[in-house]
Amino acid sequence: MATEILTTDDLYDFKMQLFGELKKLLTENPQAKPKKYLKSAEVMEMLQVSPGTLQNLRINGTLPYTKIGGIILYEYEEILKVLKENRVAS
């Protein structure tokens, strides 16, 4: 079996090709449509809130949700709508 020696130049060329491919993938579809429904963890990350705050938003009716079994789902468009309706003009 033949042995091939890799040099740092080979690794650099590979890195540049990989970055080029990643950049191409990211720029091909910059307006990727978000998921229609988000789980609680995704909403907490999106809004930068704690689990307790998210629960309070559900309880007081601020944030509409759907519960299927034990899974709570939030519609992405509804979250944007709530954010827009509660925007404070400065």
PDB file of N, CA and C in Angstrom:
ATOM      1  N   MET A   1       0.850  -1.167   0.000  1.00  0.00           N
ATOM      2  CA  MET A   1       0.000   0.000   0.000  1.00  0.00           C
ATOM      3  C   MET A   1       0.901   1.236   0.000  1.00  0.00           C
ATOM      4  N   ALA A   2       0.606   2.162  -0.898  1.00  0.00           N
ATOM      5  CA  ALA A   2       1.419   3.365  -1.044  1.00  0.00           C
ATOM      6  C   ALA A   2       1.103   4.356   0.064  1.00  0.00           C
ATOM      7  N   THR A   3       2.130   5.022   0.555  1.00  0.00           N
ATOM      8  CA  THR A   3       1.983   6.022   1.598  1.00  0.00           C
ATOM      9  C   THR A   3       2.125   7.399   0.969  1.00  0.00           C
ATOM     10  N   GLU A   4       1.216   8.291   1.359  1.00  0.00           N
ATOM     11  CA  GLU A   4       1.265   9.652   0.843  1.00  0.00           C
ATOM     12  C   GLU A   4       1.519  10.603   1.999  1.00  0.00           C
ATOM     13  N   ILE A   5       2.446  11.476   1.842  1.00  0.00           N
ATOM     14  CA  ILE A   5       2.790  12.426   2.896  1.00  0.00           C
ATOM     15  C   ILE A   5       2.061  13.739   2.632  1.00  0.00           C
ATOM     16  N   LEU A   6       1.364  14.211   3.680  1.00  0.00           N
ATOM     17  CA  LEU A   6       0.654  15.486   3.591  1.00  0.00           C
ATOM     18  C   LEU A   6       1.530  16.593   4.153  1.00  0.00           C
ATOM     19  N   THR A   7       1.534  17.686   3.467  1.00  0.00           N
ATOM     20  CA  THR A   7       2.297  18.840   3.939  1.00  0.00           C
ATOM     21  C   THR A   7       1.337  19.884   4.492  1.00  0.00           C
ATOM     22  N   THR A   8       1.889  20.880   5.144  1.00  0.00           N
ATOM     23  CA  THR A   8       1.042  21.961   5.656  1.00  0.00           C
ATOM     24  C   THR A   8       0.383  22.721   4.500  1.00  0.00           C
ATOM     25  N   ASP A   9       1.052  22.787   3.368  1.00  0.00           N
ATOM     26  CA  ASP A   9       0.455  23.430   2.188  1.00  0.00           C
ATOM     27  C   ASP A   9      -0.772  22.655   1.709  1.00  0.00           C
ATOM     28  N   ASP A  10      -0.684  21.314   1.762  1.00  0.00           N
ATOM     29  CA  ASP A  10      -1.829  20.478   1.380  1.00  0.00           C
ATOM     30  C   ASP A  10      -3.012  20.744   2.312  1.00  0.00           C
ATOM     31  N   LEU A  11      -2.740  20.821   3.597  1.00  0.00           N
ATOM     32  CA  LEU A  11      -3.803  21.079   4.572  1.00  0.00           C
ATOM     33  C   LEU A  11      -4.397  22.467   4.378  1.00  0.00           C
ATOM     34  N   TYR A  12      -3.553  23.439   4.085  1.00  0.00           N
ATOM     35  CA  TYR A  12      -4.033  24.802   3.841  1.00  0.00           C
ATOM     36  C   TYR A  12      -4.938  24.835   2.603  1.00  0.00           C
ATOM     37  N   ASP A  13      -4.527  24.148   1.542  1.00  0.00           N
ATOM     38  CA  ASP A  13      -5.348  24.088   0.327  1.00  0.00           C
ATOM     39  C   ASP A  13      -6.698  23.442   0.614  1.00  0.00           C
ATOM     40  N   PHE A  14      -6.674  22.367   1.419  1.00  0.00           N
ATOM     41  CA  PHE A  14      -7.926  21.699   1.784  1.00  0.00           C
ATOM     42  C   PHE A  14      -8.825  22.633   2.583  1.00  0.00           C
ATOM     43  N   LYS A  15      -8.224  23.360   3.529  1.00  0.00           N
ATOM     44  CA  LYS A  15      -8.995  24.308   4.350  1.00  0.00           C
ATOM     45  C   LYS A  15      -9.637  25.377   3.473  1.00  0.00           C
ATOM     46  N   MET A  16      -8.897  25.896   2.539  1.00  0.00           N
ATOM     47  CA  MET A  16      -9.431  26.948   1.667  1.00  0.00           C
ATOM     48  C   MET A  16     -10.571  26.403   0.786  1.00  0.00           C
ATOM     49  N   GLN A  17     -10.430  25.180   0.295  1.00  0.00           N
ATOM     50  CA  GLN A  17     -11.504  24.569  -0.494  1.00  0.00           C
ATOM     51  C   GLN A  17     -12.743  24.380   0.362  1.00  0.00           C
ATOM     52  N   LEU A  18     -12.548  23.912   1.600  1.00  0.00           N
ATOM     53  CA  LEU A  18     -13.672  23.685   2.501  1.00  0.00           C
ATOM     54  C   LEU A  18     -14.385  25.001   2.821  1.00  0.00           C
ATOM     55  N   PHE A  19     -13.622  26.050   3.134  1.00  0.00           N
ATOM     56  CA  PHE A  19     -14.229  27.354   3.399  1.00  0.00           C
ATOM     57  C   PHE A  19     -14.981  27.875   2.180  1.00  0.00           C
ATOM     58  N   GLY A  20     -14.414  27.657   1.003  1.00  0.00           N
ATOM     59  CA  GLY A  20     -15.081  28.082  -0.226  1.00  0.00           C
ATOM     60  C   GLY A  20     -16.422  27.393  -0.414  1.00  0.00           C
ATOM     61  N   GLU A  21     -16.462  26.089  -0.154  1.00  0.00           N
ATOM     62  CA  GLU A  21     -17.709  25.334  -0.286  1.00  0.00           C
ATOM     63  C   GLU A  21     -18.741  25.789   0.751  1.00  0.00           C
ATOM     64  N   LEU A  22     -18.295  26.014   1.990  1.00  0.00           N
ATOM     65  CA  LEU A  22     -19.217  26.482   3.036  1.00  0.00           C
ATOM     66  C   LEU A  22     -19.779  27.857   2.694  1.00  0.00           C
ATOM     67  N   LYS A  23     -18.927  28.733   2.224  1.00  0.00           N
ATOM     68  CA  LYS A  23     -19.373  30.083   1.842  1.00  0.00           C
ATOM     69  C   LYS A  23     -20.388  30.010   0.717  1.00  0.00           C
ATOM     70  N   LYS A  24     -20.145  29.131  -0.235  1.00  0.00           N
ATOM     71  CA  LYS A  24     -21.063  28.951  -1.362  1.00  0.00           C
ATOM     72  C   LYS A  24     -22.428  28.457  -0.865  1.00  0.00           C
ATOM     73  N   LEU A  25     -22.424  27.501   0.054  1.00  0.00           N
ATOM     74  CA  LEU A  25     -23.681  26.983   0.597  1.00  0.00           C
ATOM     75  C   LEU A  25     -24.455  28.052   1.355  1.00  0.00           C
ATOM     76  N   LEU A  26     -23.744  28.874   2.105  1.00  0.00           N
ATOM     77  CA  LEU A  26     -24.411  29.906   2.896  1.00  0.00           C
ATOM     78  C   LEU A  26     -24.942  31.050   2.040  1.00  0.00           C
ATOM     79  N   THR A  27     -24.284  31.352   0.944  1.00  0.00           N
ATOM     80  CA  THR A  27     -24.728  32.468   0.106  1.00  0.00           C
ATOM     81  C   THR A  27     -25.759  32.054  -0.933  1.00  0.00           C
ATOM     82  N   GLU A  28     -25.884  30.759  -1.211  1.00  0.00           N
ATOM     83  CA  GLU A  28     -26.868  30.307  -2.191  1.00  0.00           C
ATOM     84  C   GLU A  28     -28.287  30.559  -1.713  1.00  0.00           C
ATOM     85  N   ASN A  29     -28.541  30.371  -0.423  1.00  0.00           N
ATOM     86  CA  ASN A  29     -29.886  30.507   0.104  1.00  0.00           C
ATOM     87  C   ASN A  29     -29.867  31.349   1.376  1.00  0.00           C
ATOM     88  N   PRO A  30     -29.578  32.652   1.258  1.00  0.00           N
ATOM     89  CA  PRO A  30     -29.493  33.473   2.464  1.00  0.00           C
ATOM     90  C   PRO A  30     -30.843  33.711   3.134  1.00  0.00           C
ATOM     91  N   GLN A  31     -31.925  33.589   2.390  1.00  0.00           N
ATOM     92  CA  GLN A  31     -33.258  33.812   2.949  1.00  0.00           C
ATOM     93  C   GLN A  31     -33.946  32.481   3.243  1.00  0.00           C
ATOM     94  N   ALA A  32     -33.220  31.559   3.833  1.00  0.00           N
ATOM     95  CA  ALA A  32     -33.797  30.257   4.165  1.00  0.00           C
ATOM     96  C   ALA A  32     -34.999  30.460   5.082  1.00  0.00           C
ATOM     97  N   LYS A  33     -36.076  29.835   4.729  1.00  0.00           N
ATOM     98  CA  LYS A  33     -37.313  29.984   5.493  1.00  0.00           C
ATOM     99  C   LYS A  33     -37.182  29.254   6.830  1.00  0.00           C
ATOM    100  N   PRO A  34     -37.487  29.927   7.938  1.00  0.00           N
ATOM    101  CA  PRO A  34     -37.393  29.274   9.243  1.00  0.00           C
ATOM    102  C   PRO A  34     -38.476  28.201   9.381  1.00  0.00           C
ATOM    103  N   LYS A  35     -38.278  27.341  10.365  1.00  0.00           N
ATOM    104  CA  LYS A  35     -39.259  26.295  10.618  1.00  0.00           C
ATOM    105  C   LYS A  35     -40.587  26.939  11.009  1.00  0.00           C
ATOM    106  N   LYS A  36     -41.687  26.266  10.674  1.00  0.00           N
ATOM    107  CA  LYS A  36     -43.006  26.800  10.994  1.00  0.00           C
ATOM    108  C   LYS A  36     -43.284  26.730  12.495  1.00  0.00           C
ATOM    109  N   TYR A  37     -42.874  25.644  13.131  1.00  0.00           N
ATOM    110  CA  TYR A  37     -43.105  25.464  14.565  1.00  0.00           C
ATOM    111  C   TYR A  37     -41.780  25.288  15.287  1.00  0.00           C
ATOM    112  N   LEU A  38     -41.679  25.895  16.461  1.00  0.00           N
ATOM    113  CA  LEU A  38     -40.469  25.820  17.271  1.00  0.00           C
ATOM    114  C   LEU A  38     -40.786  25.177  18.606  1.00  0.00           C
ATOM    115  N   LYS A  39     -39.828  24.437  19.147  1.00  0.00           N
ATOM    116  CA  LYS A  39     -39.968  23.862  20.479  1.00  0.00           C
ATOM    117  C   LYS A  39     -39.558  24.915  21.510  1.00  0.00           C
ATOM    118  N   SER A  40     -39.868  24.640  22.763  1.00  0.00           N
ATOM    119  CA  SER A  40     -39.599  25.592  23.844  1.00  0.00           C
ATOM    120  C   SER A  40     -38.133  26.020  23.897  1.00  0.00           C
ATOM    121  N   ALA A  41     -37.218  25.069  23.767  1.00  0.00           N
ATOM    122  CA  ALA A  41     -35.795  25.401  23.839  1.00  0.00           C
ATOM    123  C   ALA A  41     -35.398  26.378  22.728  1.00  0.00           C
ATOM    124  N   GLU A  42     -35.968  26.196  21.547  1.00  0.00           N
ATOM    125  CA  GLU A  42     -35.654  27.084  20.426  1.00  0.00           C
ATOM    126  C   GLU A  42     -36.211  28.484  20.668  1.00  0.00           C
ATOM    127  N   VAL A  43     -37.407  28.553  21.263  1.00  0.00           N
ATOM    128  CA  VAL A  43     -38.019  29.854  21.551  1.00  0.00           C
ATOM    129  C   VAL A  43     -37.247  30.571  22.656  1.00  0.00           C
ATOM    130  N   MET A  44     -36.809  29.806  23.672  1.00  0.00           N
ATOM    131  CA  MET A  44     -36.023  30.417  24.743  1.00  0.00           C
ATOM    132  C   MET A  44     -34.728  31.004  24.186  1.00  0.00           C
ATOM    133  N   GLU A  45     -34.104  30.292  23.270  1.00  0.00           N
ATOM    134  CA  GLU A  45     -32.876  30.799  22.660  1.00  0.00           C
ATOM    135  C   GLU A  45     -33.169  32.008  21.777  1.00  0.00           C
ATOM    136  N   MET A  46     -34.246  31.947  21.024  1.00  0.00           N
ATOM    137  CA  MET A  46     -34.615  33.041  20.123  1.00  0.00           C
ATOM    138  C   MET A  46     -34.899  34.324  20.890  1.00  0.00           C
ATOM    139  N   LEU A  47     -35.657  34.203  21.985  1.00  0.00           N
ATOM    140  CA  LEU A  47     -36.064  35.374  22.764  1.00  0.00           C
ATOM    141  C   LEU A  47     -35.096  35.705  23.900  1.00  0.00           C
ATOM    142  N   GLN A  48     -34.129  34.817  24.131  1.00  0.00           N
ATOM    143  CA  GLN A  48     -33.168  35.002  25.217  1.00  0.00           C
ATOM    144  C   GLN A  48     -33.893  35.135  26.560  1.00  0.00           C
ATOM    145  N   VAL A  49     -34.788  34.160  26.842  1.00  0.00           N
ATOM    146  CA  VAL A  49     -35.526  34.148  28.102  1.00  0.00           C
ATOM    147  C   VAL A  49     -35.315  32.811  28.800  1.00  0.00           C
ATOM    148  N   SER A  50     -35.623  32.787  30.087  1.00  0.00           N
ATOM    149  CA  SER A  50     -35.487  31.572  30.882  1.00  0.00           C
ATOM    150  C   SER A  50     -36.725  30.699  30.725  1.00  0.00           C
ATOM    151  N   PRO A  51     -36.663  29.432  31.164  1.00  0.00           N
ATOM    152  CA  PRO A  51     -37.851  28.573  31.105  1.00  0.00           C
ATOM    153  C   PRO A  51     -39.027  29.158  31.887  1.00  0.00           C
ATOM    154  N   GLY A  52     -38.745  29.778  33.032  1.00  0.00           N
ATOM    155  CA  GLY A  52     -39.815  30.375  33.839  1.00  0.00           C
ATOM    156  C   GLY A  52     -40.497  31.537  33.131  1.00  0.00           C
ATOM    157  N   THR A  53     -39.702  32.366  32.470  1.00  0.00           N
ATOM    158  CA  THR A  53     -40.272  33.492  31.728  1.00  0.00           C
ATOM    159  C   THR A  53     -41.128  32.989  30.574  1.00  0.00           C
ATOM    160  N   LEU A  54     -40.656  31.972  29.882  1.00  0.00           N
ATOM    161  CA  LEU A  54     -41.435  31.412  28.779  1.00  0.00           C
ATOM    162  C   LEU A  54     -42.753  30.842  29.299  1.00  0.00           C
ATOM    163  N   GLN A  55     -42.702  30.181  30.448  1.00  0.00           N
ATOM    164  CA  GLN A  55     -43.924  29.639  31.044  1.00  0.00           C
ATOM    165  C   GLN A  55     -44.879  30.775  31.411  1.00  0.00           C
ATOM    166  N   ASN A  56     -44.369  31.869  31.959  1.00  0.00           N
ATOM    167  CA  ASN A  56     -45.221  33.014  32.293  1.00  0.00           C
ATOM    168  C   ASN A  56     -45.870  33.608  31.047  1.00  0.00           C
ATOM    169  N   LEU A  57     -45.122  33.668  29.943  1.00  0.00           N
ATOM    170  CA  LEU A  57     -45.683  34.181  28.691  1.00  0.00           C
ATOM    171  C   LEU A  57     -46.824  33.290  28.189  1.00  0.00           C
ATOM    172  N   ARG A  58     -46.701  31.989  28.426  1.00  0.00           N
ATOM    173  CA  ARG A  58     -47.787  31.062  28.056  1.00  0.00           C
ATOM    174  C   ARG A  58     -48.987  31.246  28.974  1.00  0.00           C
ATOM    175  N   ILE A  59     -48.728  31.282  30.281  1.00  0.00           N
ATOM    176  CA  ILE A  59     -49.811  31.339  31.279  1.00  0.00           C
ATOM    177  C   ILE A  59     -50.641  32.612  31.130  1.00  0.00           C
ATOM    178  N   ASN A  60     -49.975  33.755  30.935  1.00  0.00           N
ATOM    179  CA  ASN A  60     -50.744  35.010  30.862  1.00  0.00           C
ATOM    180  C   ASN A  60     -51.296  35.274  29.460  1.00  0.00           C
ATOM    181  N   GLY A  61     -51.080  34.349  28.538  1.00  0.00           N
ATOM    182  CA  GLY A  61     -51.683  34.466  27.216  1.00  0.00           C
ATOM    183  C   GLY A  61     -50.923  35.352  26.241  1.00  0.00           C
ATOM    184  N   THR A  62     -49.740  35.785  26.614  1.00  0.00           N
ATOM    185  CA  THR A  62     -48.959  36.643  25.723  1.00  0.00           C
ATOM    186  C   THR A  62     -48.482  35.884  24.497  1.00  0.00           C
ATOM    187  N   LEU A  63     -48.053  34.657  24.722  1.00  0.00           N
ATOM    188  CA  LEU A  63     -47.467  33.856  23.648  1.00  0.00           C
ATOM    189  C   LEU A  63     -48.347  32.634  23.375  1.00  0.00           C
ATOM    190  N   PRO A  64     -49.017  32.605  22.214  1.00  0.00           N
ATOM    191  CA  PRO A  64     -49.860  31.451  21.899  1.00  0.00           C
ATOM    192  C   PRO A  64     -49.007  30.212  21.629  1.00  0.00           C
ATOM    193  N   TYR A  65     -49.569  29.053  21.981  1.00  0.00           N
ATOM    194  CA  TYR A  65     -48.841  27.806  21.805  1.00  0.00           C
ATOM    195  C   TYR A  65     -49.811  26.664  21.538  1.00  0.00           C
ATOM    196  N   THR A  66     -49.242  25.559  21.104  1.00  0.00           N
ATOM    197  CA  THR A  66     -50.011  24.340  20.879  1.00  0.00           C
ATOM    198  C   THR A  66     -49.333  23.231  21.665  1.00  0.00           C
ATOM    199  N   LYS A  67     -50.127  22.433  22.352  1.00  0.00           N
ATOM    200  CA  LYS A  67     -49.561  21.327  23.115  1.00  0.00           C
ATOM    201  C   LYS A  67     -50.069  20.022  22.517  1.00  0.00           C
ATOM    202  N   ILE A  68     -49.132  19.204  22.089  1.00  0.00           N
ATOM    203  CA  ILE A  68     -49.463  17.897  21.529  1.00  0.00           C
ATOM    204  C   ILE A  68     -48.756  16.870  22.394  1.00  0.00           C
ATOM    205  N   GLY A  69     -49.534  16.115  23.142  1.00  0.00           N
ATOM    206  CA  GLY A  69     -48.924  15.203  24.110  1.00  0.00           C
ATOM    207  C   GLY A  69     -48.196  16.038  25.145  1.00  0.00           C
ATOM    208  N   GLY A  70     -46.912  15.783  25.320  1.00  0.00           N
ATOM    209  CA  GLY A  70     -46.126  16.558  26.271  1.00  0.00           C
ATOM    210  C   GLY A  70     -45.262  17.606  25.595  1.00  0.00           C
ATOM    211  N   ILE A  71     -45.434  17.765  24.299  1.00  0.00           N
ATOM    212  CA  ILE A  71     -44.589  18.704  23.553  1.00  0.00           C
ATOM    213  C   ILE A  71     -45.335  20.009  23.320  1.00  0.00           C
ATOM    214  N   ILE A  72     -44.691  21.105  23.660  1.00  0.00           N
ATOM    215  CA  ILE A  72     -45.271  22.431  23.444  1.00  0.00           C
ATOM    216  C   ILE A  72     -44.605  23.037  22.216  1.00  0.00           C
ATOM    217  N   LEU A  73     -45.424  23.477  21.275  1.00  0.00           N
ATOM    218  CA  LEU A  73     -44.924  24.061  20.037  1.00  0.00           C
ATOM    219  C   LEU A  73     -45.419  25.488  19.903  1.00  0.00           C
ATOM    220  N   TYR A  74     -44.576  26.331  19.330  1.00  0.00           N
ATOM    221  CA  TYR A  74     -44.895  27.738  19.106  1.00  0.00           C
ATOM    222  C   TYR A  74     -44.761  28.018  17.613  1.00  0.00           C
ATOM    223  N   GLU A  75     -45.727  28.713  17.058  1.00  0.00           N
ATOM    224  CA  GLU A  75     -45.667  29.056  15.642  1.00  0.00           C
ATOM    225  C   GLU A  75     -44.732  30.261  15.466  1.00  0.00           C
ATOM    226  N   TYR A  76     -43.764  30.117  14.583  1.00  0.00           N
ATOM    227  CA  TYR A  76     -42.757  31.150  14.357  1.00  0.00           C
ATOM    228  C   TYR A  76     -43.395  32.492  14.013  1.00  0.00           C
ATOM    229  N   GLU A  77     -44.371  32.476  13.118  1.00  0.00           N
ATOM    230  CA  GLU A  77     -45.028  33.722  12.694  1.00  0.00           C
ATOM    231  C   GLU A  77     -45.759  34.385  13.857  1.00  0.00           C
ATOM    232  N   GLU A  78     -46.333  33.586  14.755  1.00  0.00           N
ATOM    233  CA  GLU A  78     -47.028  34.143  15.923  1.00  0.00           C
ATOM    234  C   GLU A  78     -46.043  34.825  16.871  1.00  0.00           C
ATOM    235  N   ILE A  79     -44.862  34.255  17.012  1.00  0.00           N
ATOM    236  CA  ILE A  79     -43.842  34.871  17.864  1.00  0.00           C
ATOM    237  C   ILE A  79     -43.456  36.238  17.299  1.00  0.00           C
ATOM    238  N   LEU A  80     -43.243  36.289  15.987  1.00  0.00           N
ATOM    239  CA  LEU A  80     -42.913  37.565  15.348  1.00  0.00           C
ATOM    240  C   LEU A  80     -44.047  38.570  15.518  1.00  0.00           C
ATOM    241  N   LYS A  81     -45.278  38.090  15.408  1.00  0.00           N
ATOM    242  CA  LYS A  81     -46.451  38.962  15.556  1.00  0.00           C
ATOM    243  C   LYS A  81     -46.508  39.547  16.963  1.00  0.00           C
ATOM    244  N   VAL A  82     -46.264  38.718  17.982  1.00  0.00           N
ATOM    245  CA  VAL A  82     -46.276  39.190  19.370  1.00  0.00           C
ATOM    246  C   VAL A  82     -45.168  40.222  19.585  1.00  0.00           C
ATOM    247  N   LEU A  83     -43.992  39.962  19.030  1.00  0.00           N
ATOM    248  CA  LEU A  83     -42.893  40.918  19.163  1.00  0.00           C
ATOM    249  C   LEU A  83     -43.247  42.252  18.515  1.00  0.00           C
ATOM    250  N   LYS A  84     -43.875  42.183  17.354  1.00  0.00           N
ATOM    251  CA  LYS A  84     -44.233  43.406  16.634  1.00  0.00           C
ATOM    252  C   LYS A  84     -45.322  44.185  17.383  1.00  0.00           C
ATOM    253  N   GLU A  85     -46.318  43.469  17.912  1.00  0.00           N
ATOM    254  CA  GLU A  85     -47.424  44.123  18.620  1.00  0.00           C
ATOM    255  C   GLU A  85     -46.965  44.772  19.926  1.00  0.00           C
ATOM    256  N   ASN A  86     -45.930  44.229  20.526  1.00  0.00           N
ATOM    257  CA  ASN A  86     -45.459  44.747  21.815  1.00  0.00           C
ATOM    258  C   ASN A  86     -44.251  45.653  21.690  1.00  0.00           C
ATOM    259  N   ARG A  87     -43.947  46.059  20.492  1.00  0.00           N
ATOM    260  CA  ARG A  87     -42.794  46.933  20.270  1.00  0.00           C
ATOM    261  C   ARG A  87     -43.078  48.310  20.867  1.00  0.00           C
ATOM    262  N   VAL A  88     -42.080  48.837  21.527  1.00  0.00           N
ATOM    263  CA  VAL A  88     -42.185  50.156  22.148  1.00  0.00           C
ATOM    264  C   VAL A  88     -41.406  51.134  21.280  1.00  0.00           C
ATOM    265  N   ALA A  89     -42.104  52.140  20.771  1.00  0.00           N
ATOM    266  CA  ALA A  89     -41.454  53.154  19.928  1.00  0.00           C
ATOM    267  C   ALA A  89     -40.636  54.079  20.806  1.00  0.00           C
ATOM    268  N   SER A  90     -39.460  54.441  20.312  1.00  0.00           N
ATOM    269  CA  SER A  90     -38.631  55.345  21.125  1.00  0.00           C
ATOM    270  C   SER A  90     -38.537  56.708  20.497  1.00  0.00           C
TER     271      SER A  90
END
